[in-house]
């Protein structure tokens, strides 16, 4: 099994080197070290890490803003690092999409559990996003099919069941999705209705 590929985003050289050594000692692969929020976005896009350790207070761009931008461009689990544990800082980390939060100096024993939890939460969130996407697609397909059934019922004087069966049979004959057949009917109706 390949080692988890990690990007470290930390402007303090001593902290980043210590964290890098701890991670490597635990069997993780450190693919890069960014020293600013802007560099973090660039390296994340280029290296596609499996996980990012992100300092909150960074030059050029706060770590929370960089994390939010990375999340929007190419989602990846992010563990926030900070020397601060106040409520406002924690809230900023949550809003940026952090999946874990560690206070510096980081204890090496805290790293594996934080990484495992962040990776597991990220996989759960991705699965939920996929499920929501599939449900939205299914709902859209149902709306299109219902509209096409209505057109068939009105144009051909069919019952709802007959209209549905006609759509289903046409989809089978054409080896197409019912949604695609329904969309073609809607488009044809729009064309005929506008002439």
N, C-alpha and C. Protein backbone atom coordinates (compact mmCIF):
# COMPACT_ATOMS: atom_id res chain seq x y z
N UNK A 1 0.83 -1.18 0.00
CA UNK A 1 0.00 0.00 0.00
C UNK A 1 0.88 1.25 0.00
N UNK A 2 0.57 2.19 -0.86
CA UNK A 2 1.36 3.41 -0.97
C UNK A 2 1.18 4.28 0.26
N UNK A 3 2.24 4.98 0.61
CA UNK A 3 2.19 5.88 1.76
C UNK A 3 1.31 7.08 1.45
N UNK A 4 0.64 7.57 2.47
CA UNK A 4 -0.17 8.78 2.33
C UNK A 4 0.75 9.94 1.98
N UNK A 5 0.40 10.66 0.90
CA UNK A 5 1.20 11.78 0.40
C UNK A 5 0.72 13.08 1.06
N UNK A 6 1.63 13.75 1.76
CA UNK A 6 1.24 14.91 2.57
C UNK A 6 1.98 16.17 2.12
N UNK A 7 1.22 17.27 2.06
CA UNK A 7 1.78 18.59 1.82
C UNK A 7 1.75 19.34 3.15
N UNK A 8 2.89 19.92 3.53
CA UNK A 8 2.97 20.72 4.76
C UNK A 8 2.94 22.19 4.35
N UNK A 9 2.08 22.95 5.00
CA UNK A 9 2.01 24.39 4.76
C UNK A 9 2.31 25.08 6.08
N UNK A 10 3.53 25.60 6.18
CA UNK A 10 4.02 26.16 7.44
C UNK A 10 5.15 27.14 7.13
N UNK A 11 5.05 28.36 7.60
CA UNK A 11 6.07 29.37 7.30
C UNK A 11 7.25 29.34 8.26
N UNK A 12 7.14 28.64 9.37
CA UNK A 12 8.24 28.52 10.33
C UNK A 12 9.07 27.30 9.95
N UNK A 13 10.33 27.53 9.56
CA UNK A 13 11.19 26.43 9.10
C UNK A 13 11.39 25.34 10.14
N UNK A 14 11.58 25.74 11.40
CA UNK A 14 11.80 24.74 12.45
C UNK A 14 10.57 23.85 12.61
N UNK A 15 9.38 24.46 12.62
CA UNK A 15 8.14 23.69 12.77
C UNK A 15 7.94 22.77 11.56
N UNK A 16 8.16 23.28 10.34
CA UNK A 16 7.93 22.46 9.15
C UNK A 16 8.92 21.30 9.06
N UNK A 17 10.19 21.55 9.40
CA UNK A 17 11.18 20.48 9.36
C UNK A 17 10.91 19.43 10.43
N UNK A 18 10.51 19.87 11.61
CA UNK A 18 10.18 18.93 12.69
C UNK A 18 8.98 18.07 12.28
N UNK A 19 7.95 18.71 11.75
CA UNK A 19 6.76 17.97 11.32
C UNK A 19 7.11 17.00 10.20
N UNK A 20 7.92 17.45 9.26
CA UNK A 20 8.33 16.58 8.15
C UNK A 20 9.04 15.33 8.67
N UNK A 21 9.98 15.52 9.60
CA UNK A 21 10.71 14.38 10.17
C UNK A 21 9.77 13.45 10.93
N UNK A 22 8.83 14.01 11.69
CA UNK A 22 7.87 13.18 12.43
C UNK A 22 7.04 12.34 11.45
N UNK A 23 6.53 13.00 10.41
CA UNK A 23 5.68 12.29 9.44
C UNK A 23 6.45 11.20 8.71
N UNK A 24 7.65 11.53 8.27
CA UNK A 24 8.47 10.53 7.57
C UNK A 24 8.79 9.35 8.50
N UNK A 25 9.08 9.66 9.76
CA UNK A 25 9.36 8.61 10.74
C UNK A 25 8.17 7.68 10.96
N UNK A 26 6.97 8.21 10.74
CA UNK A 26 5.75 7.40 10.89
C UNK A 26 5.36 6.68 9.60
N UNK A 27 6.14 6.87 8.53
CA UNK A 27 5.89 6.17 7.28
C UNK A 27 5.08 6.94 6.25
N UNK A 28 4.84 8.22 6.50
CA UNK A 28 4.12 9.05 5.53
C UNK A 28 5.11 9.66 4.56
N UNK A 29 4.64 10.03 3.38
CA UNK A 29 5.48 10.67 2.37
C UNK A 29 5.16 12.17 2.33
N UNK A 30 6.14 12.99 2.59
CA UNK A 30 5.96 14.43 2.51
C UNK A 30 6.34 14.84 1.08
N UNK A 31 5.35 15.31 0.31
CA UNK A 31 5.60 15.63 -1.10
C UNK A 31 6.02 17.07 -1.32
N UNK A 32 5.85 17.92 -0.31
CA UNK A 32 6.26 19.31 -0.46
C UNK A 32 6.00 20.12 0.80
N UNK A 33 6.67 21.27 0.84
CA UNK A 33 6.46 22.21 1.95
C UNK A 33 6.21 23.58 1.34
N UNK A 34 5.08 24.17 1.68
CA UNK A 34 4.73 25.52 1.23
C UNK A 34 4.93 26.46 2.41
N UNK A 35 5.38 27.69 2.11
CA UNK A 35 5.65 28.64 3.18
C UNK A 35 4.69 29.82 3.17
N UNK A 36 3.66 29.74 2.32
CA UNK A 36 2.63 30.79 2.29
C UNK A 36 1.33 30.16 1.80
N UNK A 37 0.23 30.88 2.03
CA UNK A 37 -1.06 30.39 1.56
C UNK A 37 -1.13 30.30 0.05
N UNK A 38 -0.54 31.28 -0.61
CA UNK A 38 -0.53 31.30 -2.08
C UNK A 38 0.25 30.10 -2.63
N UNK A 39 1.41 29.84 -2.03
CA UNK A 39 2.22 28.70 -2.47
C UNK A 39 1.49 27.38 -2.17
N UNK A 40 0.73 27.36 -1.10
CA UNK A 40 -0.03 26.15 -0.75
C UNK A 40 -1.02 25.80 -1.85
N UNK A 41 -1.73 26.80 -2.36
CA UNK A 41 -2.71 26.57 -3.43
C UNK A 41 -2.01 26.03 -4.66
N UNK A 42 -0.91 26.66 -5.03
CA UNK A 42 -0.15 26.25 -6.21
C UNK A 42 0.37 24.81 -6.07
N UNK A 43 1.02 24.52 -4.94
CA UNK A 43 1.57 23.17 -4.73
C UNK A 43 0.47 22.11 -4.64
N UNK A 44 -0.65 22.47 -4.02
CA UNK A 44 -1.75 21.52 -3.92
C UNK A 44 -2.26 21.14 -5.31
N UNK A 45 -2.42 22.13 -6.16
CA UNK A 45 -2.88 21.85 -7.53
C UNK A 45 -1.87 21.02 -8.30
N UNK A 46 -0.60 21.32 -8.11
CA UNK A 46 0.46 20.64 -8.87
C UNK A 46 0.75 19.23 -8.35
N UNK A 47 0.76 19.07 -7.03
CA UNK A 47 1.18 17.79 -6.43
C UNK A 47 0.04 16.84 -6.09
N UNK A 48 -1.18 17.34 -6.01
CA UNK A 48 -2.35 16.52 -5.63
C UNK A 48 -2.08 15.64 -4.42
N UNK A 49 -1.78 16.25 -3.27
CA UNK A 49 -1.51 15.45 -2.07
C UNK A 49 -2.77 14.73 -1.58
N UNK A 50 -2.56 13.71 -0.77
CA UNK A 50 -3.68 12.98 -0.16
C UNK A 50 -4.21 13.74 1.06
N UNK A 51 -3.36 14.60 1.64
CA UNK A 51 -3.70 15.31 2.87
C UNK A 51 -2.80 16.53 3.00
N UNK A 52 -3.32 17.58 3.63
CA UNK A 52 -2.54 18.79 3.85
C UNK A 52 -2.54 19.16 5.33
N UNK A 53 -1.36 19.47 5.85
CA UNK A 53 -1.23 20.10 7.16
C UNK A 53 -1.08 21.59 6.89
N UNK A 54 -1.99 22.41 7.39
CA UNK A 54 -2.03 23.84 7.06
C UNK A 54 -1.96 24.69 8.32
N UNK A 55 -0.93 25.54 8.39
CA UNK A 55 -0.84 26.52 9.47
C UNK A 55 -1.91 27.57 9.22
N UNK A 56 -2.53 28.07 10.27
CA UNK A 56 -3.59 29.06 10.11
C UNK A 56 -3.02 30.44 9.82
N UNK A 57 -2.03 30.86 10.58
CA UNK A 57 -1.47 32.20 10.40
C UNK A 57 -0.28 32.11 9.45
N UNK A 58 -0.50 32.63 8.22
CA UNK A 58 0.51 32.53 7.17
C UNK A 58 0.71 33.89 6.50
N UNK A 59 1.90 34.11 5.89
CA UNK A 59 2.09 35.34 5.12
C UNK A 59 1.31 35.29 3.81
N UNK A 60 1.05 36.44 3.23
CA UNK A 60 0.35 36.61 1.94
C UNK A 60 -1.13 36.28 2.03
N UNK A 61 -1.46 35.12 2.57
CA UNK A 61 -2.85 34.68 2.65
C UNK A 61 -3.00 33.77 3.86
N UNK A 62 -4.01 34.04 4.66
CA UNK A 62 -4.27 33.19 5.84
C UNK A 62 -4.46 31.74 5.41
N UNK A 63 -4.05 30.82 6.28
CA UNK A 63 -4.22 29.40 6.00
C UNK A 63 -5.68 29.02 5.82
N UNK A 64 -6.58 29.70 6.55
CA UNK A 64 -8.00 29.38 6.41
C UNK A 64 -8.52 29.74 5.02
N UNK A 65 -8.06 30.87 4.48
CA UNK A 65 -8.47 31.27 3.13
C UNK A 65 -7.88 30.33 2.09
N UNK A 66 -6.61 29.97 2.27
CA UNK A 66 -5.97 29.03 1.34
C UNK A 66 -6.69 27.68 1.39
N UNK A 67 -7.05 27.22 2.58
CA UNK A 67 -7.76 25.94 2.73
C UNK A 67 -9.10 25.98 2.01
N UNK A 68 -9.82 27.08 2.16
CA UNK A 68 -11.12 27.21 1.50
C UNK A 68 -10.97 27.19 -0.02
N UNK A 69 -9.96 27.87 -0.52
CA UNK A 69 -9.73 27.89 -1.98
C UNK A 69 -9.33 26.50 -2.49
N UNK A 70 -8.47 25.82 -1.75
CA UNK A 70 -8.07 24.47 -2.13
C UNK A 70 -9.29 23.55 -2.14
N UNK A 71 -10.10 23.65 -1.11
CA UNK A 71 -11.32 22.83 -1.01
C UNK A 71 -12.23 23.05 -2.22
N UNK A 72 -12.35 24.31 -2.66
CA UNK A 72 -13.22 24.62 -3.79
C UNK A 72 -12.64 24.15 -5.12
N UNK A 73 -11.32 24.16 -5.25
CA UNK A 73 -10.68 23.78 -6.52
C UNK A 73 -10.49 22.28 -6.65
N UNK A 74 -9.97 21.67 -5.61
CA UNK A 74 -9.64 20.25 -5.65
C UNK A 74 -9.70 19.71 -4.22
N UNK A 75 -10.86 19.23 -3.80
CA UNK A 75 -11.02 18.82 -2.40
C UNK A 75 -9.96 17.83 -1.92
N UNK A 76 -9.46 18.09 -0.74
CA UNK A 76 -8.45 17.25 -0.11
C UNK A 76 -8.62 17.43 1.41
N UNK A 77 -8.41 16.39 2.20
CA UNK A 77 -8.52 16.56 3.65
C UNK A 77 -7.43 17.50 4.17
N UNK A 78 -7.83 18.41 5.06
CA UNK A 78 -6.90 19.39 5.61
C UNK A 78 -6.95 19.33 7.13
N UNK A 79 -5.75 19.26 7.71
CA UNK A 79 -5.60 19.34 9.16
C UNK A 79 -4.97 20.69 9.45
N UNK A 80 -5.63 21.49 10.25
CA UNK A 80 -5.12 22.82 10.58
C UNK A 80 -4.14 22.73 11.74
N UNK A 81 -3.07 23.50 11.63
CA UNK A 81 -2.07 23.62 12.68
C UNK A 81 -2.07 25.05 13.19
N UNK A 82 -1.96 25.21 14.48
CA UNK A 82 -1.89 26.57 15.01
C UNK A 82 -1.33 26.55 16.42
N UNK A 83 -0.81 27.68 16.80
CA UNK A 83 -0.35 27.84 18.18
C UNK A 83 -1.50 28.37 19.04
N UNK A 84 -2.64 28.63 18.41
CA UNK A 84 -3.78 29.24 19.10
C UNK A 84 -4.93 28.25 19.21
N UNK A 85 -5.59 28.25 20.35
CA UNK A 85 -6.72 27.35 20.56
C UNK A 85 -7.96 28.11 20.99
N UNK A 86 -8.03 29.41 20.64
CA UNK A 86 -9.20 30.20 21.02
C UNK A 86 -10.39 29.87 20.12
N UNK A 87 -11.58 30.22 20.58
CA UNK A 87 -12.82 29.87 19.87
C UNK A 87 -12.87 30.45 18.46
N UNK A 88 -12.42 31.71 18.29
CA UNK A 88 -12.48 32.35 16.97
C UNK A 88 -11.60 31.63 15.96
N UNK A 89 -10.40 31.23 16.39
CA UNK A 89 -9.48 30.53 15.50
C UNK A 89 -10.05 29.16 15.12
N UNK A 90 -10.61 28.48 16.08
CA UNK A 90 -11.21 27.16 15.81
C UNK A 90 -12.39 27.31 14.86
N UNK A 91 -13.20 28.34 15.05
CA UNK A 91 -14.35 28.57 14.18
C UNK A 91 -13.89 28.84 12.74
N UNK A 92 -12.83 29.64 12.58
CA UNK A 92 -12.28 29.91 11.25
C UNK A 92 -11.83 28.62 10.58
N UNK A 93 -11.19 27.75 11.35
CA UNK A 93 -10.72 26.47 10.82
C UNK A 93 -11.89 25.60 10.37
N UNK A 94 -12.95 25.57 11.16
CA UNK A 94 -14.15 24.81 10.79
C UNK A 94 -14.76 25.34 9.50
N UNK A 95 -14.89 26.66 9.41
CA UNK A 95 -15.49 27.28 8.23
C UNK A 95 -14.66 27.06 6.98
N UNK A 96 -13.35 26.91 7.15
CA UNK A 96 -12.47 26.67 6.00
C UNK A 96 -12.53 25.21 5.54
N UNK A 97 -13.19 24.36 6.32
CA UNK A 97 -13.33 22.96 5.93
C UNK A 97 -12.30 22.03 6.54
N UNK A 98 -11.63 22.48 7.60
CA UNK A 98 -10.64 21.61 8.26
C UNK A 98 -11.34 20.38 8.84
N UNK A 99 -10.68 19.25 8.70
CA UNK A 99 -11.25 18.00 9.23
C UNK A 99 -10.60 17.58 10.54
N UNK A 100 -9.55 18.30 10.92
CA UNK A 100 -8.91 18.07 12.22
C UNK A 100 -8.14 19.33 12.57
N UNK A 101 -7.73 19.42 13.82
CA UNK A 101 -7.11 20.64 14.33
C UNK A 101 -6.07 20.24 15.35
N UNK A 102 -4.83 20.63 15.13
CA UNK A 102 -3.77 20.31 16.09
C UNK A 102 -3.09 21.59 16.56
N UNK A 103 -2.79 21.64 17.86
CA UNK A 103 -2.13 22.80 18.44
C UNK A 103 -0.63 22.52 18.49
N UNK A 104 0.17 23.51 18.02
CA UNK A 104 1.63 23.39 18.03
C UNK A 104 2.16 23.67 19.44
N UNK A 105 3.24 23.04 19.85
CA UNK A 105 4.01 22.05 19.10
C UNK A 105 3.25 20.72 19.05
N UNK A 106 3.33 20.09 17.89
CA UNK A 106 2.57 18.85 17.67
C UNK A 106 3.32 17.68 18.29
N UNK A 107 2.57 16.89 19.05
CA UNK A 107 3.10 15.65 19.63
C UNK A 107 3.00 14.58 18.54
N UNK A 108 4.09 13.90 18.28
CA UNK A 108 4.13 12.88 17.23
C UNK A 108 3.04 11.82 17.40
N UNK A 109 2.70 11.49 18.64
CA UNK A 109 1.67 10.48 18.90
C UNK A 109 0.28 10.94 18.46
N UNK A 110 0.08 12.25 18.32
CA UNK A 110 -1.22 12.78 17.89
C UNK A 110 -1.42 12.70 16.38
N UNK A 111 -0.32 12.54 15.64
CA UNK A 111 -0.40 12.60 14.18
C UNK A 111 -1.21 11.45 13.55
N UNK A 112 -0.89 10.17 13.82
CA UNK A 112 -1.66 9.11 13.17
C UNK A 112 -3.17 9.17 13.42
N UNK A 113 -3.62 9.39 14.67
CA UNK A 113 -5.07 9.47 14.86
C UNK A 113 -5.69 10.65 14.11
N UNK A 114 -5.03 11.80 14.14
CA UNK A 114 -5.56 12.97 13.44
C UNK A 114 -5.64 12.71 11.94
N UNK A 115 -4.61 12.09 11.39
CA UNK A 115 -4.59 11.78 9.95
C UNK A 115 -5.67 10.78 9.61
N UNK A 116 -5.78 9.71 10.40
CA UNK A 116 -6.79 8.68 10.12
C UNK A 116 -8.21 9.24 10.19
N UNK A 117 -8.46 10.07 11.20
CA UNK A 117 -9.80 10.65 11.34
C UNK A 117 -10.10 11.60 10.19
N UNK A 118 -9.13 12.45 9.84
CA UNK A 118 -9.34 13.40 8.73
C UNK A 118 -9.59 12.66 7.42
N UNK A 119 -8.82 11.61 7.17
CA UNK A 119 -8.99 10.84 5.92
C UNK A 119 -10.35 10.14 5.91
N UNK A 120 -10.76 9.57 7.03
CA UNK A 120 -12.05 8.87 7.11
C UNK A 120 -13.20 9.85 6.93
N UNK A 121 -13.14 11.00 7.59
CA UNK A 121 -14.20 12.01 7.44
C UNK A 121 -14.28 12.50 6.00
N UNK A 122 -13.12 12.67 5.38
CA UNK A 122 -13.08 13.14 3.99
C UNK A 122 -13.75 12.12 3.08
N UNK A 123 -13.43 10.84 3.25
CA UNK A 123 -14.06 9.79 2.43
C UNK A 123 -15.57 9.78 2.63
N UNK A 124 -16.02 9.94 3.88
CA UNK A 124 -17.46 9.99 4.16
C UNK A 124 -18.11 11.18 3.47
N UNK A 125 -17.45 12.33 3.54
CA UNK A 125 -18.01 13.53 2.90
C UNK A 125 -18.07 13.36 1.39
N UNK A 126 -17.05 12.77 0.80
CA UNK A 126 -17.04 12.55 -0.65
C UNK A 126 -18.17 11.59 -1.05
N UNK A 127 -18.36 10.54 -0.25
CA UNK A 127 -19.44 9.58 -0.53
C UNK A 127 -20.80 10.27 -0.45
N UNK A 128 -20.97 11.13 0.56
CA UNK A 128 -22.24 11.87 0.69
C UNK A 128 -22.45 12.82 -0.48
N UNK A 129 -21.38 13.51 -0.90
CA UNK A 129 -21.48 14.41 -2.06
C UNK A 129 -21.91 13.64 -3.31
N UNK A 130 -21.30 12.46 -3.50
CA UNK A 130 -21.66 11.63 -4.65
C UNK A 130 -23.12 11.20 -4.58
N UNK A 131 -23.55 10.81 -3.39
CA UNK A 131 -24.93 10.37 -3.20
C UNK A 131 -25.91 11.52 -3.47
N UNK A 132 -25.60 12.71 -2.98
CA UNK A 132 -26.44 13.87 -3.22
C UNK A 132 -26.49 14.17 -4.72
N UNK A 133 -25.34 14.08 -5.38
CA UNK A 133 -25.30 14.31 -6.83
C UNK A 133 -26.17 13.32 -7.59
N UNK A 134 -26.10 12.05 -7.19
CA UNK A 134 -26.92 11.03 -7.84
C UNK A 134 -28.40 11.27 -7.59
N UNK A 135 -28.75 11.68 -6.37
CA UNK A 135 -30.15 11.96 -6.05
C UNK A 135 -30.67 13.16 -6.84
N UNK A 136 -29.83 14.19 -6.98
CA UNK A 136 -30.24 15.36 -7.76
C UNK A 136 -30.43 14.98 -9.23
N UNK A 137 -29.53 14.16 -9.74
CA UNK A 137 -29.64 13.71 -11.12
C UNK A 137 -30.91 12.89 -11.33
N UNK A 138 -31.21 12.03 -10.37
CA UNK A 138 -32.42 11.21 -10.44
C UNK A 138 -33.67 12.08 -10.39
N UNK A 139 -33.67 13.09 -9.55
CA UNK A 139 -34.80 13.99 -9.45
C UNK A 139 -35.00 14.77 -10.75
N UNK A 140 -33.89 15.24 -11.33
CA UNK A 140 -33.98 15.96 -12.60
C UNK A 140 -34.53 15.04 -13.70
N UNK A 141 -34.06 13.80 -13.73
CA UNK A 141 -34.55 12.84 -14.72
C UNK A 141 -36.05 12.62 -14.54
N UNK A 142 -36.49 12.48 -13.30
CA UNK A 142 -37.90 12.26 -13.03
C UNK A 142 -38.74 13.45 -13.51
N UNK A 143 -38.25 14.69 -13.29
CA UNK A 143 -38.98 15.86 -13.75
C UNK A 143 -39.12 15.88 -15.27
N UNK A 144 -38.03 15.54 -15.95
CA UNK A 144 -38.04 15.52 -17.42
C UNK A 144 -39.00 14.45 -17.91
N UNK A 145 -38.97 13.27 -17.30
CA UNK A 145 -39.85 12.16 -17.71
C UNK A 145 -41.31 12.54 -17.47
N UNK A 146 -41.60 13.16 -16.32
CA UNK A 146 -42.98 13.57 -16.03
C UNK A 146 -43.49 14.58 -17.07
N UNK A 147 -42.62 15.51 -17.43
CA UNK A 147 -43.01 16.52 -18.43
C UNK A 147 -43.28 15.87 -19.79
N UNK A 148 -42.40 14.93 -20.17
CA UNK A 148 -42.58 14.23 -21.45
C UNK A 148 -43.85 13.38 -21.43
N UNK A 149 -44.14 12.74 -20.30
CA UNK A 149 -45.38 11.96 -20.18
C UNK A 149 -46.58 12.87 -20.41
N UNK A 150 -46.54 14.05 -19.80
CA UNK A 150 -47.64 15.00 -19.98
C UNK A 150 -47.83 15.38 -21.43
N UNK A 151 -46.74 15.58 -22.14
CA UNK A 151 -46.82 15.92 -23.56
C UNK A 151 -47.45 14.77 -24.34
N UNK A 152 -46.99 13.53 -24.08
CA UNK A 152 -47.55 12.37 -24.77
C UNK A 152 -49.03 12.19 -24.45
N UNK A 153 -49.39 12.40 -23.20
CA UNK A 153 -50.79 12.25 -22.80
C UNK A 153 -51.66 13.26 -23.55
N UNK A 154 -51.18 14.49 -23.63
CA UNK A 154 -51.96 15.54 -24.29
C UNK A 154 -52.00 15.33 -25.81
N UNK A 155 -50.86 15.08 -26.43
CA UNK A 155 -50.78 14.97 -27.89
C UNK A 155 -51.45 13.71 -28.44
N UNK A 156 -51.26 12.60 -27.70
CA UNK A 156 -51.73 11.31 -28.21
C UNK A 156 -52.95 10.76 -27.47
N UNK A 157 -53.42 11.48 -26.47
CA UNK A 157 -54.59 11.03 -25.72
C UNK A 157 -54.34 9.76 -24.93
N UNK A 158 -53.13 9.61 -24.42
CA UNK A 158 -52.78 8.41 -23.68
C UNK A 158 -53.02 8.60 -22.18
N UNK A 159 -53.19 7.48 -21.50
CA UNK A 159 -53.24 7.54 -20.03
C UNK A 159 -51.81 7.73 -19.53
N UNK A 160 -51.69 8.04 -18.27
CA UNK A 160 -50.35 8.23 -17.70
C UNK A 160 -49.52 6.96 -17.84
N UNK A 161 -50.13 5.83 -17.54
CA UNK A 161 -49.42 4.54 -17.64
C UNK A 161 -49.02 4.26 -19.08
N UNK A 162 -49.89 4.52 -20.03
CA UNK A 162 -49.56 4.29 -21.44
C UNK A 162 -48.42 5.20 -21.90
N UNK A 163 -48.45 6.44 -21.46
CA UNK A 163 -47.39 7.38 -21.82
C UNK A 163 -46.05 6.90 -21.25
N UNK A 164 -46.08 6.44 -20.01
CA UNK A 164 -44.86 5.93 -19.39
C UNK A 164 -44.34 4.71 -20.14
N UNK A 165 -45.23 3.79 -20.44
CA UNK A 165 -44.83 2.57 -21.16
C UNK A 165 -44.26 2.90 -22.54
N UNK A 166 -44.85 3.88 -23.21
CA UNK A 166 -44.36 4.28 -24.52
C UNK A 166 -42.94 4.85 -24.41
N UNK A 167 -42.71 5.67 -23.39
CA UNK A 167 -41.37 6.21 -23.15
C UNK A 167 -40.37 5.08 -22.85
N UNK A 168 -40.79 4.18 -22.00
CA UNK A 168 -39.91 3.07 -21.62
C UNK A 168 -39.57 2.18 -22.81
N UNK A 169 -40.57 1.88 -23.62
CA UNK A 169 -40.36 1.03 -24.79
C UNK A 169 -39.43 1.72 -25.80
N UNK A 170 -39.64 3.01 -25.99
CA UNK A 170 -38.80 3.76 -26.93
C UNK A 170 -37.35 3.78 -26.45
N UNK A 171 -37.16 3.93 -25.15
CA UNK A 171 -35.81 3.92 -24.58
C UNK A 171 -35.15 2.56 -24.80
N UNK A 172 -35.92 1.49 -24.61
CA UNK A 172 -35.39 0.14 -24.86
C UNK A 172 -35.02 -0.03 -26.32
N UNK A 173 -35.92 0.36 -27.20
CA UNK A 173 -35.67 0.20 -28.64
C UNK A 173 -34.43 0.96 -29.08
N UNK A 174 -34.25 2.14 -28.55
CA UNK A 174 -33.11 2.99 -28.94
C UNK A 174 -31.87 2.73 -28.09
N UNK A 175 -32.02 1.86 -27.08
CA UNK A 175 -30.94 1.58 -26.13
C UNK A 175 -30.41 2.90 -25.54
N UNK A 176 -31.35 3.67 -25.08
CA UNK A 176 -31.05 4.98 -24.51
C UNK A 176 -31.68 5.09 -23.13
N UNK A 177 -31.30 6.12 -22.41
CA UNK A 177 -31.91 6.38 -21.12
C UNK A 177 -33.27 7.02 -21.34
N UNK A 178 -34.21 6.70 -20.43
CA UNK A 178 -35.55 7.30 -20.54
C UNK A 178 -35.46 8.82 -20.49
N UNK A 179 -34.55 9.34 -19.69
CA UNK A 179 -34.40 10.79 -19.58
C UNK A 179 -34.05 11.39 -20.94
N UNK A 180 -33.18 10.72 -21.69
CA UNK A 180 -32.77 11.25 -23.00
C UNK A 180 -33.93 11.23 -23.99
N UNK A 181 -34.72 10.17 -23.97
CA UNK A 181 -35.91 10.09 -24.84
C UNK A 181 -36.90 11.18 -24.44
N UNK A 182 -37.11 11.32 -23.13
CA UNK A 182 -38.04 12.34 -22.63
C UNK A 182 -37.57 13.73 -23.04
N UNK A 183 -36.28 13.99 -22.94
CA UNK A 183 -35.72 15.29 -23.32
C UNK A 183 -35.95 15.55 -24.81
N UNK A 184 -35.79 14.54 -25.63
CA UNK A 184 -36.03 14.69 -27.07
C UNK A 184 -37.49 15.04 -27.35
N UNK A 185 -38.40 14.42 -26.61
CA UNK A 185 -39.83 14.73 -26.77
C UNK A 185 -40.10 16.18 -26.37
N UNK A 186 -39.52 16.61 -25.28
CA UNK A 186 -39.72 17.99 -24.82
C UNK A 186 -39.18 18.97 -25.86
N UNK A 187 -37.99 18.68 -26.38
CA UNK A 187 -37.40 19.57 -27.39
C UNK A 187 -38.24 19.60 -28.66
N UNK A 188 -38.75 18.43 -29.06
CA UNK A 188 -39.62 18.39 -30.25
C UNK A 188 -40.89 19.19 -30.01
N UNK A 189 -41.45 19.08 -28.82
CA UNK A 189 -42.67 19.83 -28.49
C UNK A 189 -42.40 21.33 -28.52
N UNK A 190 -41.25 21.73 -28.00
CA UNK A 190 -40.88 23.15 -28.02
C UNK A 190 -40.71 23.64 -29.44
N UNK A 191 -40.12 22.81 -30.29
CA UNK A 191 -39.92 23.18 -31.71
C UNK A 191 -41.27 23.30 -32.42
N UNK A 192 -42.13 22.32 -32.19
CA UNK A 192 -43.43 22.32 -32.84
C UNK A 192 -44.33 23.44 -32.29
N UNK A 193 -44.19 23.70 -31.01
CA UNK A 193 -45.01 24.73 -30.38
C UNK A 193 -44.63 26.13 -30.80
N UNK A 194 -43.36 26.32 -31.21
CA UNK A 194 -42.90 27.67 -31.58
C UNK A 194 -43.09 27.98 -33.05
N UNK A 195 -43.53 27.00 -33.85
CA UNK A 195 -43.69 27.25 -35.29
C UNK A 195 -45.03 27.86 -35.60
